[in-house]
């Protein structure tokens, strides 16, 4: 590992009105090292990296690159200094090829062959695997991420910032990515990884920098750190990392899905003959690479999409034990039928919350059509908003502040808190802890287990296999819109789940409990 300081940020302060996002932060990354940046939601990680990548400009402090003081006022300035950021949400044009995306926005006079040759040279050097002529819409999630990294390397980046790089990767794809990052480290590249996965931090990083509430807490070598010690530095107190998983008690069928298929507007069959049962008092985990139909599955059950003819979605009422068909009902009609079901969607602001409303308004949305007294409902919504804010430590200027002004993690807290507080008999969550720090994530896991103990049937779509296996009772694996087995979460292995996420097995629909 190189010992020279590649980038230094000294006494960095950034304010947004009365809110101090970063306060006198000192930060450095060395040549040829991988540095992880850790911190709870609202700790200032993204703001700090946005100043390094040219999206924000610091109110106070100095930035040095290779010992020289620099001014970074735009992403273009950052690129000129060899700094590139790979965002969690890819910025690619689907109808363009890989090569066209790489050179998009650049002024050059290279031929297509010269561009392809340059890309292939980068691939051979670091171990990437990508076809320059492949269209983005034909790529897997891992290939798209690879393309984003190649984009910044093509532009000459020596310093790379990766935001949650393994969030949507299988364990096998994560191993491949880490192998590439190791090759880049050997070549002298400096990398900063923003992640919440502590086991990955310890396996790939040379050092870890921790921020807490906008302030620098410290930097430690990973050889001297543990998951527990890093968590305590982030949170400021001891946090137990054991996820509770009580045995299901008196489980009864609550939701029966049979032959569920769905074809989207582009004519693609994104769900193909899905069959499973969600039971009361258990957590059914759903594993799969992002885009394998998890989103459409939950939206079909919630009444937001209309499945194909022959599909069956049946809810069993816990009071009367009568069967109610939910097929082709909209969410309001489902609620009117007496179905107690909550849904935490993947799209937080687009589908889950109204960005222009505050917490009170968004709490009102859940039941606004079911009461004759608006004032009474508003009073209840205010109580609920305060409860969610306090319980999940939502960082907001006030419960009337539009939620679009909150960080992504705090928006997620508002949405999850609202749905968990309604005491449903069926609870569906899509990436409930995406973007949340470990402390808040474990609060959510505790709340999900609390729902499970109450007899709720919980369907949990997750992206972290370690969490899925520790939290769930059963895991249904999806691959390309199809079921690829239902596994006993207590006895299966991470490798088995990862393999089924990428390759259809002959016993794809079998239950392996």
Protein backbone atom coordinates (compact mmCIF):
# COMPACT_ATOMS: atom_id res chain seq x y z
CA UNK A 1 0.00 0.00 0.00
CA UNK A 2 1.34 3.44 -0.90
CA UNK A 3 2.06 5.76 2.01
CA UNK A 4 1.78 9.09 0.20
CA UNK A 5 -1.32 11.17 0.82
CA UNK A 6 -3.32 11.32 -2.41
CA UNK A 7 -6.18 13.54 -1.23
CA UNK A 8 -6.55 15.63 1.90
CA UNK A 9 -9.56 17.56 3.13
CA UNK A 10 -8.77 19.89 6.05
CA UNK A 11 -11.26 21.55 8.42
CA UNK A 12 -14.13 21.10 5.96
CA UNK A 13 -17.43 22.70 7.00
CA UNK A 14 -20.67 22.71 4.99
CA UNK A 15 -23.93 24.33 6.06
CA UNK A 16 -27.41 24.17 4.57
CA UNK A 17 -29.22 27.05 6.24
CA UNK A 18 -29.12 26.41 9.97
CA UNK A 19 -28.14 22.75 9.46
CA UNK A 20 -24.43 21.91 9.71
CA UNK A 21 -23.82 18.85 7.51
CA UNK A 22 -20.05 18.74 8.07
CA UNK A 23 -18.13 20.50 10.85
CA UNK A 24 -14.33 20.87 10.71
CA UNK A 25 -13.87 17.46 9.09
CA UNK A 26 -10.35 16.18 8.38
CA UNK A 27 -10.17 13.41 5.80
CA UNK A 28 -7.42 11.77 3.80
CA UNK A 29 -6.94 8.89 1.40
CA UNK A 30 -3.53 7.54 0.44
CA UNK A 31 -2.17 6.43 -2.90
CA UNK A 32 -2.93 2.80 -3.69
CA UNK A 33 -5.37 2.16 -0.85
CA UNK A 34 -9.03 1.35 -0.37
CA UNK A 35 -10.59 3.52 2.32
CA UNK A 36 -14.10 2.86 3.61
CA UNK A 37 -16.23 5.77 4.79
CA UNK A 38 -18.70 4.85 7.52
CA UNK A 39 -21.35 6.73 9.45
CA UNK A 40 -25.01 6.69 10.37
CA UNK A 41 -27.63 8.33 8.17
CA UNK A 42 -27.20 12.08 8.40
CA UNK A 43 -23.56 11.80 9.48
CA UNK A 44 -22.37 13.80 6.44
CA UNK A 45 -20.72 11.06 4.34
CA UNK A 46 -22.49 11.90 1.09
CA UNK A 47 -22.12 15.66 1.61
CA UNK A 48 -18.37 15.25 2.16
CA UNK A 49 -17.95 13.15 -0.98
CA UNK A 50 -20.16 15.54 -2.97
CA UNK A 51 -17.66 18.30 -2.16
CA UNK A 52 -14.82 16.09 -3.35
CA UNK A 53 -16.66 15.25 -6.59
CA UNK A 54 -17.65 18.86 -7.30
CA UNK A 55 -21.38 18.74 -6.60
CA UNK A 56 -21.08 20.99 -3.51
CA UNK A 57 -18.50 23.59 -2.52
CA UNK A 58 -17.30 23.82 1.10
CA UNK A 59 -18.12 26.89 3.19
CA UNK A 60 -14.84 26.50 5.06
CA UNK A 61 -11.73 24.39 4.74
CA UNK A 62 -9.20 23.32 2.12
CA UNK A 63 -8.76 20.41 -0.30
CA UNK A 64 -5.37 19.13 -1.44
CA UNK A 65 -4.72 16.68 -4.31
CA UNK A 66 -1.21 15.19 -4.42
CA UNK A 67 -0.04 17.92 -2.04
CA UNK A 68 -1.39 20.81 -4.11
CA UNK A 69 -4.23 22.99 -2.87
CA UNK A 70 -7.13 22.86 -5.33
CA UNK A 71 -10.56 24.40 -5.91
CA UNK A 72 -13.27 21.95 -6.97
CA UNK A 73 -16.31 23.92 -8.09
CA UNK A 74 -17.89 21.39 -10.48
CA UNK A 75 -17.76 17.70 -11.48
CA UNK A 76 -15.66 18.83 -14.47
CA UNK A 77 -13.05 20.27 -12.09
CA UNK A 78 -13.05 16.95 -10.19
CA UNK A 79 -12.51 14.96 -13.40
CA UNK A 80 -9.65 17.28 -14.38
CA UNK A 81 -8.01 16.35 -11.07
CA UNK A 82 -8.57 12.63 -11.68
CA UNK A 83 -11.50 12.24 -9.26
CA UNK A 84 -14.48 10.17 -10.41
CA UNK A 85 -17.60 9.05 -8.53
CA UNK A 86 -19.63 5.91 -9.23
CA UNK A 87 -23.11 6.56 -7.90
CA UNK A 88 -25.42 3.86 -6.54
CA UNK A 89 -28.07 4.77 -9.12
CA UNK A 90 -26.41 4.32 -12.49
CA UNK A 91 -26.30 7.22 -14.94
CA UNK A 92 -26.42 5.33 -18.22
CA UNK A 93 -28.41 5.68 -21.45
CA UNK A 94 -30.17 2.35 -21.97
CA UNK A 95 -30.40 2.49 -25.78
CA UNK A 96 -26.69 3.27 -26.19
CA UNK A 97 -23.88 0.73 -26.32
CA UNK A 98 -21.26 0.42 -23.62
CA UNK A 99 -18.74 2.33 -25.76
CA UNK A 100 -21.24 5.11 -26.53
CA UNK A 101 -21.92 5.56 -22.83
CA UNK A 102 -18.20 5.67 -22.05
CA UNK A 103 -17.50 8.57 -24.43
CA UNK A 104 -20.82 10.38 -23.92
CA UNK A 105 -20.14 14.08 -23.36
CA UNK A 106 -16.44 13.88 -24.26
CA UNK A 107 -14.88 15.93 -27.05
CA UNK A 108 -12.69 13.58 -29.03
CA UNK A 109 -11.93 12.50 -32.56
CA UNK A 110 -11.34 8.80 -31.96
CA UNK A 111 -12.81 6.17 -34.24
CA UNK A 112 -15.14 3.51 -32.90
CA UNK A 113 -12.30 0.96 -33.17
CA UNK A 114 -9.95 3.19 -31.18
CA UNK A 115 -12.59 3.64 -28.47
CA UNK A 116 -13.27 -0.11 -28.33
CA UNK A 117 -9.54 -0.84 -28.17
CA UNK A 118 -9.10 1.60 -25.26
CA UNK A 119 -11.98 -0.02 -23.38
CA UNK A 120 -10.61 -3.51 -23.97
CA UNK A 121 -7.18 -2.37 -22.73
CA UNK A 122 -8.76 -1.16 -19.46
CA UNK A 123 -10.68 -4.44 -19.14
CA UNK A 124 -7.55 -6.58 -19.59
CA UNK A 125 -5.54 -4.45 -17.18
CA UNK A 126 -7.95 -4.71 -14.26
CA UNK A 127 -9.99 -7.85 -14.97
CA UNK A 128 -13.26 -6.33 -16.19
CA UNK A 129 -15.52 -8.31 -18.51
CA UNK A 130 -17.63 -6.19 -20.85
CA UNK A 131 -18.52 -6.04 -24.53
CA UNK A 132 -18.10 -2.47 -25.87
CA UNK A 133 -20.85 -3.07 -28.45
CA UNK A 134 -23.46 -4.42 -26.03
CA UNK A 135 -26.55 -2.28 -25.41
CA UNK A 136 -27.08 -1.18 -21.82
CA UNK A 137 -30.66 -2.53 -21.77
CA UNK A 138 -29.22 -6.02 -22.38
CA UNK A 139 -26.84 -5.78 -19.41
CA UNK A 140 -27.09 -7.25 -15.94
CA UNK A 141 -26.82 -4.99 -12.89
CA UNK A 142 -23.21 -6.08 -12.37
CA UNK A 143 -22.34 -5.25 -15.99
CA UNK A 144 -23.87 -1.79 -15.64
CA UNK A 145 -21.79 -1.14 -12.55
CA UNK A 146 -18.69 -2.35 -14.39
CA UNK A 147 -19.49 0.09 -17.19
CA UNK A 148 -19.78 2.99 -14.72
CA UNK A 149 -16.32 2.19 -13.33
CA UNK A 150 -14.85 1.90 -16.84
CA UNK A 151 -16.38 5.31 -17.68
CA UNK A 152 -14.39 7.09 -14.97
CA UNK A 153 -11.20 5.12 -15.70
CA UNK A 154 -11.48 6.00 -19.41
CA UNK A 155 -11.55 9.65 -18.37
CA UNK A 156 -8.27 9.18 -16.51
CA UNK A 157 -9.47 8.89 -12.91
CA UNK A 158 -6.85 7.98 -10.31
CA UNK A 159 -9.21 8.48 -7.36
CA UNK A 160 -12.56 6.69 -7.34
CA UNK A 161 -15.51 7.15 -4.99
CA UNK A 162 -17.92 4.18 -4.96
CA UNK A 163 -21.32 4.67 -3.33
CA UNK A 164 -22.79 1.39 -1.98
CA UNK A 165 -21.08 -0.63 -4.76
CA UNK A 166 -22.34 -4.05 -3.62
CA UNK A 167 -25.94 -3.07 -2.80
CA UNK A 168 -27.47 -4.98 -5.73
CA UNK A 169 -24.82 -7.66 -6.32
CA UNK A 170 -24.87 -11.36 -5.51
CA UNK A 171 -22.06 -12.76 -3.32
CA UNK A 172 -20.36 -14.14 -6.43
CA UNK A 173 -20.56 -10.75 -8.22
CA UNK A 174 -19.25 -9.03 -5.08
CA UNK A 175 -16.22 -11.34 -5.08
CA UNK A 176 -15.53 -10.44 -8.73
CA UNK A 177 -15.84 -6.72 -7.99
CA UNK A 178 -13.45 -6.99 -5.05
CA UNK A 179 -10.93 -8.83 -7.23
CA UNK A 180 -11.06 -5.94 -9.72
CA UNK A 181 -10.71 -3.34 -6.94
CA UNK A 182 -7.66 -5.20 -5.64
CA UNK A 183 -6.09 -5.04 -9.12
CA UNK A 184 -6.78 -1.32 -9.26
CA UNK A 185 -5.23 -0.85 -5.81
CA UNK A 186 -2.08 -2.68 -6.99
CA UNK A 187 -1.94 -0.24 -9.92
CA UNK A 188 -1.82 2.69 -7.51
CA UNK A 189 -5.46 3.78 -7.72
CA UNK A 190 -7.02 5.25 -4.58
CA UNK A 191 -10.60 4.25 -3.78
CA UNK A 192 -13.16 5.48 -1.27
CA UNK A 193 -16.08 3.13 -0.60
CA UNK A 194 -19.28 4.30 1.07
CA UNK A 195 -21.05 1.25 2.48
CA UNK A 196 -23.07 -0.02 5.44
CA UNK A 197 -21.89 -3.64 5.13
CA UNK A 198 -19.30 -3.97 7.88
CA UNK A 199 -18.10 -7.45 6.93
CA UNK A 200 -17.23 -6.11 3.47
CA UNK A 201 -15.47 -3.11 4.98
CA UNK A 202 -13.23 -5.45 6.95
CA UNK A 203 -12.55 -7.73 3.97
CA UNK A 204 -11.65 -5.14 1.31
CA UNK A 205 -10.48 -1.93 3.04
CA UNK A 206 -7.04 -0.89 4.24
CA UNK A 207 -8.43 1.74 6.59
CA UNK A 208 -11.82 3.02 7.75
CA UNK A 209 -12.85 6.62 8.42
CA UNK A 210 -15.87 7.21 10.65
CA UNK A 211 -18.12 10.27 10.76
CA UNK A 212 -20.74 10.93 13.42
CA UNK A 213 -23.29 13.75 13.19
CA UNK A 214 -21.17 15.64 10.67
CA UNK A 215 -17.91 15.39 12.62
CA UNK A 216 -14.76 13.34 12.12
CA UNK A 217 -14.47 10.61 14.77
CA UNK A 218 -11.35 8.82 13.61
CA UNK A 219 -9.56 6.62 11.07
CA UNK A 220 -8.48 3.10 11.98
CA UNK A 221 -6.67 0.30 10.12
CA UNK A 222 -9.07 -2.55 9.39
CA UNK A 223 -6.56 -4.97 10.91
CA UNK A 224 -7.30 -3.32 14.26
CA UNK A 225 -11.10 -3.14 13.85
CA UNK A 226 -14.10 -5.42 14.36
CA UNK A 227 -17.75 -5.01 13.36
CA UNK A 228 -18.54 -4.24 16.99
CA UNK A 229 -15.81 -1.60 17.39
CA UNK A 230 -16.78 0.15 14.14
CA UNK A 231 -20.44 0.19 15.13
CA UNK A 232 -19.59 1.73 18.50
CA UNK A 233 -17.52 4.43 16.79
CA UNK A 234 -20.40 5.22 14.41
CA UNK A 235 -23.12 5.29 17.05
CA UNK A 236 -21.17 6.44 20.08
CA UNK A 237 -22.34 3.57 22.26
CA UNK A 238 -22.41 -0.21 22.33
CA UNK A 239 -24.90 -1.76 19.90
CA UNK A 240 -25.79 -5.44 19.92
CA UNK A 241 -25.57 -6.82 16.38
CA UNK A 242 -27.43 -10.10 16.97
CA UNK A 243 -30.64 -10.16 14.93
CA UNK A 244 -33.52 -11.71 16.82
CA UNK A 245 -35.25 -14.62 15.07
CA UNK A 246 -37.93 -16.27 17.19
CA UNK A 247 -39.44 -19.54 15.97
CA UNK A 248 -42.83 -19.09 14.24
CA UNK A 249 -45.78 -19.95 16.47
CA UNK A 250 -49.21 -21.18 15.35
CA UNK A 251 -48.54 -20.22 11.73
CA UNK A 252 -51.57 -20.12 9.48
CA UNK A 253 -51.89 -19.40 5.79
CA UNK A 254 -52.59 -15.71 5.31
CA UNK A 255 -51.75 -15.11 1.63
CA UNK A 256 -51.82 -17.72 -1.13
CA UNK A 257 -50.21 -16.89 -4.49
CA UNK A 258 -50.88 -19.31 -7.38
CA UNK A 259 -49.67 -19.20 -11.00
CA UNK A 260 -48.93 -15.46 -10.75
CA UNK A 261 -47.63 -14.08 -14.04
CA UNK A 262 -47.27 -10.50 -15.26
CA UNK A 263 -46.29 -8.99 -18.62
CA UNK A 264 -45.14 -5.36 -18.51
CA UNK A 265 -45.89 -2.55 -20.98
CA UNK A 266 -42.88 -3.53 -23.12
CA UNK A 267 -44.31 -7.03 -23.53
CA UNK A 268 -41.70 -8.63 -21.27
CA UNK A 269 -42.85 -11.42 -18.96
CA UNK A 270 -41.34 -10.19 -15.69
CA UNK A 271 -43.25 -12.69 -13.50
CA UNK A 272 -43.57 -16.28 -14.67
CA UNK A 273 -45.84 -18.72 -12.76
CA UNK A 274 -45.04 -17.71 -9.17
CA UNK A 275 -46.47 -19.95 -6.41
CA UNK A 276 -46.00 -19.52 -2.66
CA UNK A 277 -47.81 -19.07 0.65
CA UNK A 278 -47.15 -16.34 3.25
CA UNK A 279 -47.97 -17.49 6.76
CA UNK A 280 -48.89 -15.61 9.91
CA UNK A 281 -46.15 -15.25 12.49
CA UNK A 282 -43.27 -15.78 10.07
CA UNK A 283 -40.95 -13.74 7.88
CA UNK A 284 -40.71 -14.90 4.28
CA UNK A 285 -37.56 -13.47 2.73
CA UNK A 286 -37.34 -12.93 -1.02
CA UNK A 287 -33.86 -13.01 -2.56
CA UNK A 288 -32.92 -12.08 -6.10
CA UNK A 289 -30.77 -9.76 -8.16
CA UNK A 290 -32.37 -6.34 -8.54
CA UNK A 291 -34.83 -6.38 -11.45
CA UNK A 292 -35.74 -10.07 -11.21
CA UNK A 293 -39.43 -9.35 -10.57
CA UNK A 294 -39.46 -8.64 -6.82
CA UNK A 295 -40.91 -5.16 -7.34
CA UNK A 296 -43.64 -6.40 -9.69
CA UNK A 297 -44.48 -9.29 -7.36
CA UNK A 298 -45.23 -7.04 -4.41
CA UNK A 299 -47.02 -4.44 -6.54
CA UNK A 300 -49.24 -7.17 -8.02
CA UNK A 301 -50.25 -8.35 -4.54
CA UNK A 302 -50.83 -4.75 -3.41
CA UNK A 303 -53.21 -4.09 -6.32
CA UNK A 304 -50.93 -1.69 -8.21
CA UNK A 305 -50.44 -4.01 -11.19
CA UNK A 306 -52.84 -6.35 -12.98
CA UNK A 307 -51.47 -9.91 -13.38
CA UNK A 308 -52.21 -12.18 -16.32
CA UNK A 309 -55.31 -14.34 -16.68
CA UNK A 310 -54.98 -17.51 -14.64
CA UNK A 311 -53.17 -15.81 -11.75
CA UNK A 312 -54.58 -16.14 -8.25
CA UNK A 313 -54.01 -13.93 -5.17
CA UNK A 314 -56.01 -15.03 -2.12
CA UNK A 315 -56.12 -13.39 1.31
CA UNK A 316 -57.39 -15.41 4.27
CA UNK A 317 -59.11 -13.25 6.89
CA UNK A 318 -57.78 -14.10 10.38
CA UNK A 319 -61.12 -13.32 12.06
CA UNK A 320 -63.55 -15.23 9.86
CA UNK A 321 -61.03 -17.45 8.04
CA UNK A 322 -62.86 -16.63 4.80
CA UNK A 323 -60.99 -16.45 1.50
CA UNK A 324 -60.91 -13.12 -0.37
CA UNK A 325 -59.63 -12.91 -3.94
CA UNK A 326 -57.51 -9.77 -4.41
CA UNK A 327 -57.01 -10.23 -8.14
CA UNK A 328 -57.53 -7.00 -10.11
CA UNK A 329 -58.54 -4.99 -7.02
CA UNK A 330 -56.97 -1.57 -6.51
CA UNK A 331 -55.43 -0.69 -3.10
CA UNK A 332 -58.51 1.22 -1.91
CA UNK A 333 -60.85 -1.64 -2.82
CA UNK A 334 -58.53 -4.12 -1.06
CA UNK A 335 -58.77 -2.03 2.11
CA UNK A 336 -62.54 -1.69 1.77
CA UNK A 337 -62.80 -5.49 1.65
CA UNK A 338 -61.36 -5.58 5.15
CA UNK A 339 -57.89 -6.68 4.10
CA UNK A 340 -55.29 -5.38 6.55
CA UNK A 341 -52.18 -5.10 4.40
CA UNK A 342 -49.26 -2.62 4.46
CA UNK A 343 -46.71 -2.14 1.68
CA UNK A 344 -43.31 -0.42 1.87
CA UNK A 345 -42.44 0.02 -1.84
CA UNK A 346 -38.98 0.28 -3.39
CA UNK A 347 -39.76 3.73 -4.83
CA UNK A 348 -39.86 5.86 -1.67
CA UNK A 349 -40.94 9.24 -3.04
CA UNK A 350 -42.46 8.16 -6.34
CA UNK A 351 -44.87 5.66 -4.80
CA UNK A 352 -44.55 5.52 -1.02
CA UNK A 353 -44.62 9.19 0.01
CA UNK A 354 -45.56 12.61 -1.37
CA UNK A 355 -42.37 14.65 -1.41
CA UNK A 356 -44.05 18.04 -1.07
CA UNK A 357 -45.84 16.98 2.14
CA UNK A 358 -44.40 16.81 5.63
CA UNK A 359 -44.52 13.82 7.94
CA UNK A 360 -48.03 14.67 9.17
CA UNK A 361 -49.46 14.83 5.64
CA UNK A 362 -47.83 11.55 4.70
CA UNK A 363 -49.22 9.86 7.81
CA UNK A 364 -52.68 11.13 6.81
CA UNK A 365 -52.45 9.54 3.36
CA UNK A 366 -52.73 6.02 4.71
CA UNK A 367 -56.31 6.32 6.00
CA UNK A 368 -57.64 9.62 4.67
CA UNK A 369 -60.59 8.01 2.86
CA UNK A 370 -61.78 6.03 5.88
CA UNK A 371 -62.87 8.74 8.33
CA UNK A 372 -65.54 11.40 8.43
CA UNK A 373 -63.53 13.60 10.78
CA UNK A 374 -60.52 15.24 9.15
CA UNK A 375 -59.55 17.10 12.34
CA UNK A 376 -59.53 13.87 14.33
CA UNK A 377 -57.43 12.13 11.69
CA UNK A 378 -54.98 15.05 11.54
CA UNK A 379 -54.56 14.92 15.30
CA UNK A 380 -53.88 11.16 15.12
CA UNK A 381 -51.47 11.69 12.19
CA UNK A 382 -49.53 14.27 14.21
CA UNK A 383 -49.20 11.88 17.15
CA UNK A 384 -48.04 9.14 14.78
CA UNK A 385 -45.53 11.46 13.07
CA UNK A 386 -43.97 12.45 16.40
CA UNK A 387 -43.81 8.78 17.44
CA UNK A 388 -42.08 7.75 14.18
CA UNK A 389 -39.65 10.70 14.42
CA UNK A 390 -38.64 9.82 17.96
CA UNK A 391 -38.60 6.03 17.58
CA UNK A 392 -36.54 5.97 14.37
CA UNK A 393 -34.56 9.15 15.08
CA UNK A 394 -35.71 10.91 11.88
CA UNK A 395 -33.44 13.90 11.22
CA UNK A 396 -35.75 16.72 10.08
CA UNK A 397 -36.19 20.43 10.90
CA UNK A 398 -39.80 19.63 11.78
CA UNK A 399 -42.66 17.21 11.15
CA UNK A 400 -44.17 19.68 8.66
CA UNK A 401 -40.98 19.95 6.60
CA UNK A 402 -41.51 18.47 3.08
CA UNK A 403 -40.01 14.98 3.11
CA UNK A 404 -38.25 15.59 -0.23
CA UNK A 405 -35.88 17.88 1.70
CA UNK A 406 -34.74 14.99 3.91
CA UNK A 407 -31.87 12.62 3.17
CA UNK A 408 -32.70 9.31 1.48
CA UNK A 409 -32.20 7.39 4.70
CA UNK A 410 -34.55 9.65 6.65
CA UNK A 411 -37.19 9.44 3.91
CA UNK A 412 -37.01 5.66 4.26
CA UNK A 413 -37.45 5.93 8.02
CA UNK A 414 -40.67 7.95 7.56
CA UNK A 415 -42.09 5.42 5.10
CA UNK A 416 -41.17 2.32 7.11
CA UNK A 417 -42.35 3.88 10.37
CA UNK A 418 -45.72 4.76 8.88
CA UNK A 419 -46.40 1.28 7.53
CA UNK A 420 -45.14 -0.62 10.58
CA UNK A 421 -47.32 1.51 12.82
CA UNK A 422 -50.57 0.38 11.18
CA UNK A 423 -50.48 -3.14 12.71
CA UNK A 424 -51.34 -5.04 9.49
CA UNK A 425 -51.99 -8.77 9.18
CA UNK A 426 -49.81 -8.83 6.04
CA UNK A 427 -46.73 -6.58 5.77
CA UNK A 428 -44.71 -6.38 2.55
CA UNK A 429 -41.39 -4.52 2.47
CA UNK A 430 -39.12 -3.90 -0.51
CA UNK A 431 -35.57 -3.05 0.61
CA UNK A 432 -36.80 -1.62 3.92
CA UNK A 433 -33.29 -0.82 5.18
CA UNK A 434 -31.69 0.31 1.90
CA UNK A 435 -29.47 3.30 2.67
CA UNK A 436 -29.99 3.03 6.44
CA UNK A 437 -27.14 2.84 8.93
CA UNK A 438 -26.64 -0.28 11.02
CA UNK A 439 -28.21 1.20 14.15
CA UNK A 440 -31.44 2.17 12.38
CA UNK A 441 -31.42 -1.06 10.36
CA UNK A 442 -31.44 -3.13 13.53
CA UNK A 443 -34.28 -0.99 14.88
CA UNK A 444 -36.24 -1.93 11.72
CA UNK A 445 -35.37 -5.62 12.12
CA UNK A 446 -36.61 -5.46 15.71
CA UNK A 447 -39.87 -3.87 14.56
CA UNK A 448 -40.34 -6.55 11.87
CA UNK A 449 -39.84 -9.26 14.48
CA UNK A 450 -42.33 -7.46 16.71
CA UNK A 451 -44.88 -7.64 13.87
CA UNK A 452 -44.06 -11.33 13.40
CA UNK A 453 -44.71 -12.02 17.10
CA UNK A 454 -48.09 -10.31 16.76
CA UNK A 455 -48.99 -12.87 14.09
CA UNK A 456 -48.32 -10.70 11.03
CA UNK A 457 -47.29 -12.41 7.81
CA UNK A 458 -44.15 -10.51 6.80
CA UNK A 459 -42.78 -10.59 3.24
CA UNK A 460 -39.28 -9.12 3.26
CA UNK A 461 -37.48 -8.35 -0.02
CA UNK A 462 -33.85 -7.74 0.88
CA UNK A 463 -30.52 -7.22 -0.84
CA UNK A 464 -28.13 -8.26 1.96
CA UNK A 465 -28.02 -12.05 2.04
CA UNK A 466 -26.50 -12.13 5.52
CA UNK A 467 -29.50 -10.21 6.84
CA UNK A 468 -32.01 -12.25 4.82
CA UNK A 469 -30.61 -15.47 6.22
CA UNK A 470 -30.48 -14.16 9.79
CA UNK A 471 -33.95 -12.57 9.81
CA UNK A 472 -36.12 -14.84 7.65
CA UNK A 473 -37.77 -18.16 8.46
CA UNK A 474 -37.98 -19.17 4.80
CA UNK A 475 -36.34 -17.64 1.70
CA UNK A 476 -37.92 -17.69 -1.74
CA UNK A 477 -35.26 -17.17 -4.41
CA UNK A 478 -36.17 -15.45 -7.68
CA UNK A 479 -34.21 -15.62 -10.92
CA UNK A 480 -35.31 -13.89 -14.10
CA UNK A 481 -38.90 -13.51 -12.95
CA UNK A 482 -39.24 -17.17 -11.95
CA UNK A 483 -39.24 -18.96 -8.60
CA UNK A 484 -36.01 -20.83 -8.04
CA UNK A 485 -36.76 -22.61 -4.80
CA UNK A 486 -38.02 -21.89 -1.29
CA UNK A 487 -35.29 -22.62 1.26
CA UNK A 488 -35.20 -23.04 5.02
CA UNK A 489 -33.30 -19.94 6.15
CA UNK A 490 -31.96 -21.73 9.22
CA UNK A 491 -30.23 -24.50 7.28
CA UNK A 492 -29.39 -23.14 3.80
CA UNK A 493 -26.08 -21.52 2.88
CA UNK A 494 -25.22 -18.14 1.43
CA UNK A 495 -23.60 -19.89 -1.55
CA UNK A 496 -26.77 -21.91 -2.25
CA UNK A 497 -28.92 -18.76 -2.25
CA UNK A 498 -26.41 -16.85 -4.39
CA UNK A 499 -26.24 -19.68 -6.94
CA UNK A 500 -30.03 -19.85 -7.23
CA UNK A 501 -30.15 -16.07 -7.75
CA UNK A 502 -28.13 -16.44 -10.95
CA UNK A 503 -29.01 -19.88 -12.38
CA UNK A 504 -32.34 -21.69 -12.65
CA UNK A 505 -32.18 -25.09 -10.93
CA UNK A 506 -34.04 -28.17 -12.16
CA UNK A 507 -36.07 -28.13 -8.93
CA UNK A 508 -36.70 -24.38 -9.28
CA UNK A 509 -40.19 -24.39 -7.84
CA UNK A 510 -39.55 -26.91 -5.08
CA UNK A 511 -39.83 -26.12 -1.40
CA UNK A 512 -36.63 -27.12 0.44
CA UNK A 513 -37.73 -26.62 4.00
